C-alpha atoms as a PDB file:
ATOM      1  CA  MET A   1       7.751 -40.543  10.366  1.00  0.00           C
ATOM      2  CA  GLU A   2       5.028 -42.425   8.502  1.00  0.00           C
ATOM      3  CA  MET A   3       2.420 -41.267  11.034  1.00  0.00           C
ATOM      4  CA  LYS A   4       3.476 -37.649  10.492  1.00  0.00           C
ATOM      5  CA  LEU A   5       3.121 -38.002   6.727  1.00  0.00           C
ATOM      6  CA  GLN A   6      -0.335 -39.516   7.153  1.00  0.00           C
ATOM      7  CA  SER A   7      -1.312 -36.701   9.506  1.00  0.00           C
ATOM      8  CA  LYS A   8      -0.134 -34.057   7.033  1.00  0.00           C
ATOM      9  CA  SER A   9      -1.950 -35.801   4.185  1.00  0.00           C
ATOM     10  CA  MET A  10      -5.150 -35.844   6.238  1.00  0.00           C
ATOM     11  CA  GLN A  11      -4.766 -32.137   7.057  1.00  0.00           C
ATOM     12  CA  ALA A  12      -4.244 -31.314   3.373  1.00  0.00           C
ATOM     13  CA  LEU A  13      -7.309 -33.376   2.472  1.00  0.00           C
ATOM     14  CA  LEU A  14      -9.445 -31.604   5.064  1.00  0.00           C
ATOM     15  CA  ILE A  15      -8.314 -28.240   3.690  1.00  0.00           C
ATOM     16  CA  LEU A  16      -8.934 -29.154   0.042  1.00  0.00           C
ATOM     17  CA  LEU A  17     -12.241 -30.950   0.583  1.00  0.00           C
ATOM     18  CA  PRO A  18     -14.391 -27.821   1.172  1.00  0.00           C
ATOM     19  CA  PHE A  19     -12.917 -26.163  -1.942  1.00  0.00           C
ATOM     20  CA  ALA A  20     -13.604 -29.265  -4.041  1.00  0.00           C
ATOM     21  CA  ALA A  21     -17.170 -29.435  -2.718  1.00  0.00           C
ATOM     22  CA  ALA A  22     -17.760 -25.746  -3.464  1.00  0.00           C
ATOM     23  CA  LEU A  23     -16.345 -26.156  -6.986  1.00  0.00           C
ATOM     24  CA  ALA A  24     -18.563 -29.197  -7.623  1.00  0.00           C
ATOM     25  CA  LEU A  25     -21.645 -27.333  -6.366  1.00  0.00           C
ATOM     26  CA  TRP A  26     -20.773 -24.330  -8.525  1.00  0.00           C
ATOM     27  CA  ALA A  27     -20.324 -26.499 -11.638  1.00  0.00           C
ATOM     28  CA  SER A  28     -23.573 -28.370 -10.946  1.00  0.00           C
ATOM     29  CA  MET A  29     -25.617 -25.195 -10.455  1.00  0.00           C
ATOM     30  CA  SER A  30     -24.138 -23.747 -13.641  1.00  0.00           C
ATOM     31  CA  ALA A  31     -24.811 -26.916 -15.663  1.00  0.00           C
ATOM     32  CA  MET A  32     -28.415 -27.151 -14.432  1.00  0.00           C
ATOM     33  CA  GLU A  33     -28.840 -23.386 -14.993  1.00  0.00           C
ATOM     34  CA  VAL A  34     -30.229 -22.893 -11.510  1.00  0.00           C
ATOM     35  CA  VAL A  35     -28.909 -19.378 -11.995  1.00  0.00           C
ATOM     36  CA  PRO A  36     -28.648 -17.963 -15.549  1.00  0.00           C
ATOM     37  CA  SER A  37     -25.116 -18.231 -16.941  1.00  0.00           C
ATOM     38  CA  LEU A  38     -25.130 -14.453 -17.392  1.00  0.00           C
ATOM     39  CA  PHE A  39     -24.965 -14.153 -13.598  1.00  0.00           C
ATOM     40  CA  LEU A  40     -23.231 -17.432 -12.690  1.00  0.00           C
ATOM     41  CA  PRO A  41     -20.664 -18.367 -15.348  1.00  0.00           C
ATOM     42  CA  PRO A  42     -19.397 -21.966 -15.334  1.00  0.00           C
ATOM     43  CA  PRO A  43     -15.970 -22.627 -13.776  1.00  0.00           C
ATOM     44  CA  VAL A  44     -14.494 -23.332 -17.224  1.00  0.00           C
ATOM     45  CA  GLN A  45     -15.467 -19.858 -18.449  1.00  0.00           C
ATOM     46  CA  VAL A  46     -13.924 -18.251 -15.363  1.00  0.00           C
ATOM     47  CA  TRP A  47     -10.756 -20.310 -15.882  1.00  0.00           C
ATOM     48  CA  ASP A  48     -10.564 -19.186 -19.520  1.00  0.00           C
ATOM     49  CA  ALA A  49     -10.899 -15.553 -18.426  1.00  0.00           C
ATOM     50  CA  PHE A  50      -8.132 -16.088 -15.862  1.00  0.00           C
ATOM     51  CA  VAL A  51      -5.810 -17.631 -18.469  1.00  0.00           C
ATOM     52  CA  GLN A  52      -6.522 -14.787 -20.882  1.00  0.00           C
ATOM     53  CA  MET A  53      -5.724 -12.141 -18.246  1.00  0.00           C
ATOM     54  CA  LEU A  54      -2.645 -14.102 -17.262  1.00  0.00           C
ATOM     55  CA  GLN A  55      -1.399 -14.154 -20.850  1.00  0.00           C
ATOM     56  CA  ASN A  56      -1.947 -10.442 -21.467  1.00  0.00           C
ATOM     57  CA  GLY A  57      -0.239  -9.549 -18.176  1.00  0.00           C
ATOM     58  CA  LEU A  58      -3.293  -7.996 -16.522  1.00  0.00           C
ATOM     59  CA  ILE A  59      -3.125 -10.340 -13.511  1.00  0.00           C
ATOM     60  CA  PHE A  60       0.476  -9.520 -12.604  1.00  0.00           C
ATOM     61  CA  GLU A  61       0.028  -5.808 -13.286  1.00  0.00           C
ATOM     62  CA  SER A  62      -3.107  -5.642 -11.138  1.00  0.00           C
ATOM     63  CA  LEU A  63      -1.576  -7.593  -8.255  1.00  0.00           C
ATOM     64  CA  GLY A  64       1.559  -5.434  -8.340  1.00  0.00           C
ATOM     65  CA  VAL A  65      -0.383  -2.163  -8.291  1.00  0.00           C
ATOM     66  CA  SER A  66      -2.704  -3.359  -5.516  1.00  0.00           C
ATOM     67  CA  LEU A  67       0.211  -4.555  -3.376  1.00  0.00           C
ATOM     68  CA  LEU A  68       2.034  -1.253  -3.853  1.00  0.00           C
ATOM     69  CA  ARG A  69      -1.016   0.761  -2.780  1.00  0.00           C
ATOM     70  CA  LEU A  70      -1.728  -1.611   0.082  1.00  0.00           C
ATOM     71  CA  CYS A  71       1.811  -1.516   1.472  1.00  0.00           C
ATOM     72  CA  ALA A  72       2.048   2.280   1.173  1.00  0.00           C
ATOM     73  CA  GLY A  73      -1.200   2.859   3.076  1.00  0.00           C
ATOM     74  CA  TRP A  74      -0.449   0.167   5.635  1.00  0.00           C
ATOM     75  CA  LEU A  75       3.072   1.417   6.384  1.00  0.00           C
ATOM     76  CA  LEU A  76       1.971   5.036   6.707  1.00  0.00           C
ATOM     77  CA  GLY A  77      -0.922   4.077   8.981  1.00  0.00           C
ATOM     78  CA  LEU A  78       1.327   1.847  11.102  1.00  0.00           C
ATOM     79  CA  LEU A  79       3.942   4.599  11.427  1.00  0.00           C
ATOM     80  CA  LEU A  80       1.318   7.113  12.585  1.00  0.00           C
ATOM     81  CA  ALA A  81      -0.251   4.554  14.933  1.00  0.00           C
ATOM     82  CA  THR A  82       3.138   3.710  16.451  1.00  0.00           C
ATOM     83  CA  CYS A  83       4.148   7.338  17.041  1.00  0.00           C
ATOM     84  CA  ILE A  84       0.763   8.430  18.396  1.00  0.00           C
ATOM     85  CA  GLY A  85       0.322   5.187  20.349  1.00  0.00           C
ATOM     86  CA  TRP A  86       3.697   5.632  22.037  1.00  0.00           C
ATOM     87  CA  ALA A  87       2.927   9.272  22.875  1.00  0.00           C
ATOM     88  CA  LEU A  88      -0.534   8.576  24.306  1.00  0.00           C
ATOM     89  CA  GLY A  89       0.656   5.471  26.122  1.00  0.00           C
ATOM     90  CA  MET A  90       3.481   7.308  27.890  1.00  0.00           C
ATOM     91  CA  ILE A  91       1.718  10.605  28.645  1.00  0.00           C
ATOM     92  CA  GLY A  92      -1.371  10.088  30.765  1.00  0.00           C
ATOM     93  CA  TRP A  93      -2.880  13.573  30.502  1.00  0.00           C
ATOM     94  CA  LEU A  94      -2.459  13.545  26.724  1.00  0.00           C
ATOM     95  CA  ARG A  95      -4.136  10.133  26.514  1.00  0.00           C
ATOM     96  CA  ARG A  96      -7.085  11.323  28.610  1.00  0.00           C
ATOM     97  CA  GLY A  97      -7.473  14.376  26.381  1.00  0.00           C
ATOM     98  CA  ILE A  98      -7.145  12.671  22.983  1.00  0.00           C
ATOM     99  CA  GLN A  99      -8.990   9.407  23.666  1.00  0.00           C
ATOM    100  CA  PRO A 100     -12.496  10.932  23.521  1.00  0.00           C
ATOM    101  CA  LEU A 101     -11.668  12.328  20.054  1.00  0.00           C
ATOM    102  CA  LEU A 102     -10.007   9.258  18.555  1.00  0.00           C
ATOM    103  CA  PHE A 103     -12.053   6.427  19.999  1.00  0.00           C
ATOM    104  CA  PRO A 104     -15.380   7.218  18.272  1.00  0.00           C
ATOM    105  CA  LEU A 105     -13.559   7.231  14.907  1.00  0.00           C
ATOM    106  CA  ARG A 106     -12.598   3.573  15.438  1.00  0.00           C
ATOM    107  CA  PHE A 107     -16.210   2.638  14.741  1.00  0.00           C
ATOM    108  CA  VAL A 108     -16.473   4.631  11.509  1.00  0.00           C
ATOM    109  CA  GLU A 109     -15.709   2.379   8.543  1.00  0.00           C
ATOM    110  CA  PRO A 110     -13.341   3.821   5.904  1.00  0.00           C
ATOM    111  CA  VAL A 111     -16.082   3.498   3.272  1.00  0.00           C
ATOM    112  CA  ALA A 112     -18.204   5.948   5.311  1.00  0.00           C
ATOM    113  CA  TRP A 113     -15.660   8.665   4.483  1.00  0.00           C
ATOM    114  CA  LEU A 114     -15.664   7.856   0.776  1.00  0.00           C
ATOM    115  CA  SER A 115     -17.974  10.662  -0.374  1.00  0.00           C
ATOM    116  CA  LEU A 116     -16.187  13.327   1.663  1.00  0.00           C
ATOM    117  CA  ILE A 117     -12.742  12.143   0.574  1.00  0.00           C
ATOM    118  CA  ILE A 118     -13.788  12.251  -3.077  1.00  0.00           C
ATOM    119  CA  LEU A 119     -15.147  15.786  -2.627  1.00  0.00           C
ATOM    120  CA  TRP A 120     -12.030  16.978  -0.798  1.00  0.00           C
ATOM    121  CA  PHE A 121      -9.251  15.135  -2.649  1.00  0.00           C
ATOM    122  CA  GLY A 122     -10.797  13.891  -5.887  1.00  0.00           C
ATOM    123  CA  THR A 123     -10.573  10.297  -7.082  1.00  0.00           C
ATOM    124  CA  GLY A 124      -6.808  10.034  -7.605  1.00  0.00           C
ATOM    125  CA  GLU A 125      -4.119   8.121  -5.746  1.00  0.00           C
ATOM    126  CA  MET A 126      -4.209  10.507  -2.775  1.00  0.00           C
ATOM    127  CA  SER A 127      -7.774   9.478  -1.916  1.00  0.00           C
ATOM    128  CA  LYS A 128      -6.872   5.802  -2.075  1.00  0.00           C
ATOM    129  CA  LEU A 129      -3.828   6.364   0.139  1.00  0.00           C
ATOM    130  CA  ILE A 130      -5.915   8.254   2.714  1.00  0.00           C
ATOM    131  CA  LEU A 131      -8.512   5.484   2.916  1.00  0.00           C
ATOM    132  CA  LEU A 132      -5.879   2.762   3.332  1.00  0.00           C
ATOM    133  CA  THR A 133      -3.895   4.801   5.872  1.00  0.00           C
ATOM    134  CA  TYR A 134      -7.050   5.462   7.899  1.00  0.00           C
ATOM    135  CA  ALA A 135      -7.887   1.747   7.935  1.00  0.00           C
ATOM    136  CA  SER A 136      -4.355   0.744   8.938  1.00  0.00           C
ATOM    137  CA  PHE A 137      -4.097   3.409  11.648  1.00  0.00           C
ATOM    138  CA  PHE A 138      -7.260   2.437  13.491  1.00  0.00           C
ATOM    139  CA  GLY A 139      -6.439  -1.239  13.140  1.00  0.00           C
ATOM    140  CA  SER A 140      -3.051  -0.741  14.846  1.00  0.00           C
ATOM    141  CA  PHE A 141      -3.375   2.259  17.131  1.00  0.00           C
ATOM    142  CA  LEU A 142      -5.255   0.767  20.081  1.00  0.00           C
ATOM    143  CA  TYR A 143      -2.934  -2.250  20.355  1.00  0.00           C
ATOM    144  CA  ILE A 144       0.163  -0.070  20.471  1.00  0.00           C
ATOM    145  CA  MET A 145      -1.225   2.507  22.902  1.00  0.00           C
ATOM    146  CA  THR A 146      -2.497  -0.202  25.253  1.00  0.00           C
ATOM    147  CA  GLY A 147       0.849  -1.990  25.055  1.00  0.00           C
ATOM    148  CA  VAL A 148       2.732   1.129  26.158  1.00  0.00           C
ATOM    149  CA  ALA A 149       0.230   2.014  28.892  1.00  0.00           C
ATOM    150  CA  SER A 150       0.423  -1.508  30.356  1.00  0.00           C
ATOM    151  CA  ILE A 151       4.221  -1.583  30.781  1.00  0.00           C
ATOM    152  CA  ASP A 152       5.077  -2.546  34.346  1.00  0.00           C
ATOM    153  CA  GLU A 153       5.837   0.636  36.282  1.00  0.00           C
ATOM    154  CA  VAL A 154       8.336  -1.285  38.428  1.00  0.00           C
ATOM    155  CA  LYS A 155      10.404  -1.996  35.322  1.00  0.00           C
ATOM    156  CA  ILE A 156      10.447   1.695  34.413  1.00  0.00           C
ATOM    157  CA  GLN A 157      11.371   2.769  37.951  1.00  0.00           C
ATOM    158  CA  ALA A 158      14.153   0.172  38.089  1.00  0.00           C
ATOM    159  CA  ALA A 159      15.584   1.464  34.807  1.00  0.00           C
ATOM    160  CA  ARG A 160      15.467   5.031  36.105  1.00  0.00           C
ATOM    161  CA  ALA A 161      17.191   3.975  39.320  1.00  0.00           C
ATOM    162  CA  MET A 162      20.011   2.590  37.166  1.00  0.00           C
ATOM    163  CA  GLY A 163      20.396   5.934  35.404  1.00  0.00           C
ATOM    164  CA  ALA A 164      18.214   5.402  32.334  1.00  0.00           C
ATOM    165  CA  SER A 165      16.154   8.388  31.267  1.00  0.00           C
ATOM    166  CA  GLY A 166      14.878  10.115  28.165  1.00  0.00           C
ATOM    167  CA  PHE A 167      15.832   8.406  24.925  1.00  0.00           C
ATOM    168  CA  ARG A 168      17.778   5.642  26.678  1.00  0.00           C
ATOM    169  CA  LEU A 169      14.701   4.682  28.710  1.00  0.00           C
ATOM    170  CA  PHE A 170      12.594   4.770  25.569  1.00  0.00           C
ATOM    171  CA  ARG A 171      15.076   2.620  23.619  1.00  0.00           C
ATOM    172  CA  THR A 172      15.781   0.028  26.310  1.00  0.00           C
ATOM    173  CA  ILE A 173      12.373  -0.324  28.002  1.00  0.00           C
ATOM    174  CA  ILE A 174       9.513   1.188  25.989  1.00  0.00           C
ATOM    175  CA  VAL A 175      10.421  -0.110  22.533  1.00  0.00           C
ATOM    176  CA  PRO A 176      11.232  -3.744  23.493  1.00  0.00           C
ATOM    177  CA  SER A 177       8.163  -3.925  25.738  1.00  0.00           C
ATOM    178  CA  THR A 178       5.841  -2.761  22.972  1.00  0.00           C
ATOM    179  CA  VAL A 179       7.185  -5.028  20.208  1.00  0.00           C
ATOM    180  CA  PRO A 180       4.406  -7.609  20.831  1.00  0.00           C
ATOM    181  CA  SER A 181       1.753  -4.892  20.569  1.00  0.00           C
ATOM    182  CA  ILE A 182       3.314  -3.456  17.413  1.00  0.00           C
ATOM    183  CA  LEU A 183       3.438  -6.888  15.777  1.00  0.00           C
ATOM    184  CA  ALA A 184      -0.191  -7.598  16.660  1.00  0.00           C
ATOM    185  CA  GLY A 185      -1.237  -4.120  15.546  1.00  0.00           C
ATOM    186  CA  ALA A 186       0.680  -4.463  12.283  1.00  0.00           C
ATOM    187  CA  ARG A 187      -1.168  -7.655  11.407  1.00  0.00           C
ATOM    188  CA  ILE A 188      -4.598  -6.234  12.298  1.00  0.00           C
ATOM    189  CA  GLY A 189      -3.775  -2.988  10.487  1.00  0.00           C
ATOM    190  CA  MET A 190      -2.886  -4.934   7.347  1.00  0.00           C
ATOM    191  CA  SER A 191      -6.191  -6.821   7.621  1.00  0.00           C
ATOM    192  CA  TYR A 192      -8.122  -3.546   7.876  1.00  0.00           C
ATOM    193  CA  SER A 193      -6.239  -2.056   4.930  1.00  0.00           C
ATOM    194  CA  PHE A 194      -6.760  -5.191   2.871  1.00  0.00           C
ATOM    195  CA  LEU A 195     -10.516  -5.055   3.487  1.00  0.00           C
ATOM    196  CA  THR A 196     -10.452  -1.481   2.156  1.00  0.00           C
ATOM    197  CA  ILE A 197      -8.288  -1.955  -0.953  1.00  0.00           C
ATOM    198  CA  VAL A 198     -11.088  -3.111  -3.276  1.00  0.00           C
ATOM    199  CA  THR A 199     -13.302  -0.171  -2.266  1.00  0.00           C
ATOM    200  CA  ALA A 200     -10.403   2.224  -2.790  1.00  0.00           C
ATOM    201  CA  GLU A 201      -9.563   0.793  -6.214  1.00  0.00           C
ATOM    202  CA  MET A 202     -13.154   0.890  -7.423  1.00  0.00           C
ATOM    203  CA  MET A 203     -12.943   4.663  -6.975  1.00  0.00           C
ATOM    204  CA  ASP A 204     -12.153   5.648 -10.568  1.00  0.00           C
ATOM    205  CA  ALA A 205      -9.040   3.468 -10.724  1.00  0.00           C
ATOM    206  CA  THR A 206      -7.604   2.211 -14.003  1.00  0.00           C
ATOM    207  CA  SER A 207      -5.515  -0.559 -12.455  1.00  0.00           C
ATOM    208  CA  GLY A 208      -5.505  -2.965  -9.546  1.00  0.00           C
ATOM    209  CA  VAL A 209      -7.585  -5.949  -8.491  1.00  0.00           C
ATOM    210  CA  GLY A 210     -10.504  -3.691  -7.569  1.00  0.00           C
ATOM    211  CA  TYR A 211     -10.453  -2.286 -11.097  1.00  0.00           C
ATOM    212  CA  ILE A 212     -10.826  -5.821 -12.526  1.00  0.00           C
ATOM    213  CA  ILE A 213     -14.007  -6.268 -10.478  1.00  0.00           C
ATOM    214  CA  LYS A 214     -15.317  -2.807 -11.359  1.00  0.00           C
ATOM    215  CA  TYR A 215     -14.615  -3.296 -15.076  1.00  0.00           C
ATOM    216  CA  GLY A 216     -16.437  -6.619 -15.001  1.00  0.00           C
ATOM    217  CA  SER A 217     -19.488  -5.099 -13.308  1.00  0.00           C
ATOM    218  CA  VAL A 218     -19.685  -2.219 -15.802  1.00  0.00           C
ATOM    219  CA  TYR A 219     -19.519  -4.520 -18.841  1.00  0.00           C
ATOM    220  CA  MET A 220     -21.417  -7.451 -17.259  1.00  0.00           C
ATOM    221  CA  ARG A 221     -18.335  -9.671 -17.423  1.00  0.00           C
ATOM    222  CA  MET A 222     -19.243 -11.995 -14.562  1.00  0.00           C
ATOM    223  CA  ASP A 223     -16.304 -14.260 -15.352  1.00  0.00           C
ATOM    224  CA  GLN A 224     -13.970 -11.310 -14.801  1.00  0.00           C
ATOM    225  CA  ILE A 225     -15.734 -10.410 -11.542  1.00  0.00           C
ATOM    226  CA  PHE A 226     -15.207 -13.985 -10.340  1.00  0.00           C
ATOM    227  CA  VAL A 227     -11.525 -13.853 -11.293  1.00  0.00           C
ATOM    228  CA  GLY A 228     -11.052 -10.574  -9.412  1.00  0.00           C
ATOM    229  CA  THR A 229     -12.901 -11.846  -6.346  1.00  0.00           C
ATOM    230  CA  ILE A 230     -10.912 -15.089  -6.240  1.00  0.00           C
ATOM    231  CA  LEU A 231      -7.676 -13.109  -6.641  1.00  0.00           C
ATOM    232  CA  VAL A 232      -8.623 -10.951  -3.650  1.00  0.00           C
ATOM    233  CA  GLY A 233      -9.191 -14.064  -1.542  1.00  0.00           C
ATOM    234  CA  LEU A 234      -5.932 -15.720  -2.594  1.00  0.00           C
ATOM    235  CA  LEU A 235      -3.974 -12.513  -2.057  1.00  0.00           C
ATOM    236  CA  GLY A 236      -5.464 -12.171   1.425  1.00  0.00           C
ATOM    237  CA  ILE A 237      -4.476 -15.741   2.328  1.00  0.00           C
ATOM    238  CA  ALA A 238      -0.923 -15.174   1.053  1.00  0.00           C
ATOM    239  CA  ILE A 239      -0.510 -11.898   2.947  1.00  0.00           C
ATOM    240  CA  ASP A 240      -1.872 -13.290   6.215  1.00  0.00           C
ATOM    241  CA  TYR A 241       0.334 -16.395   5.958  1.00  0.00           C
ATOM    242  CA  THR A 242       3.391 -14.224   5.301  1.00  0.00           C
ATOM    243  CA  PHE A 243       2.533 -12.073   8.308  1.00  0.00           C
ATOM    244  CA  ARG A 244       2.058 -15.046  10.615  1.00  0.00           C
ATOM    245  CA  GLN A 245       5.417 -16.504   9.615  1.00  0.00           C
ATOM    246  CA  ALA A 246       7.197 -13.153   9.979  1.00  0.00           C
ATOM    247  CA  ILE A 247       5.599 -12.490  13.372  1.00  0.00           C
ATOM    248  CA  LYS A 248       6.594 -15.930  14.633  1.00  0.00           C
ATOM    249  CA  ARG A 249      10.195 -15.396  13.546  1.00  0.00           C
ATOM    250  CA  ILE A 250      10.431 -11.919  15.057  1.00  0.00           C
ATOM    251  CA  GLY A 251       8.343 -12.875  18.065  1.00  0.00           C
ATOM    252  CA  ARG A 252      10.670 -15.681  19.159  1.00  0.00           C
ATOM    253  CA  ARG A 253      13.185 -13.043  20.087  1.00  0.00           C
ATOM    254  CA  TYR A 254      10.643 -11.654  22.531  1.00  0.00           C
ATOM    255  CA  PHE A 255       9.259 -15.033  23.680  1.00  0.00           C
ATOM    256  CA  LEU A 256       6.112 -14.771  21.556  1.00  0.00           C
ATOM    257  CA  ASP A 257       5.935 -18.175  19.930  1.00  0.00           C
ATOM    258  CA  GLN A 258       2.143 -18.258  20.326  1.00  0.00           C
ATOM    259  CA  LEU A 259       1.312 -15.131  18.293  1.00  0.00           C
END
């Protein structure tokens, strides 16, 4: 028991040590004015800005809005990826026809569509939703389609021999067999959407974490930019941790303890 506690303490120390070193380096550079304070505010100034935004409710409001946008785009993208991935995975001729159209788009970053999306849909919530959905879809789609296409044909034939067909075959064989791929795709899709959220919110938004960063850049509030950037990092860590725990819990049902 004591050895376990020591091991956990050592792990916590190893995790915290890089952050402490980075904070010390930041404070030292700021104190020595290696970089002008206009561009590199001291940690105390950033902390004061954080406390101020915490007191006026801007932090919670921004996180709530960003999470709402993120979840909406991610869920819509995952739903589309699941439906299209299932269809292409099960129907060979459809997969061979659609793949050449979809695959090149995987390499086009969401930000590359920004100008066209603004011209077509303006700078409102619809544009942000489209960007996040696009990111989520192409993060998830390939995993799901590959998962369906790689289902053992013997398993399908055995189910058909026992009378399963149509929806029953889909429900009893296809869906359970693709759960691992959907879980993996969901996590990657969320990562893609998360990487896009700041770009989407800097597009004429008046709320969200991206807006905090944009506002700071417009008014040269470097402390606010630092707060927004740190919030993005912490939010990403929290979301990824939540996903890993959820996937482990769900995955155990399908013998996926190592996800």
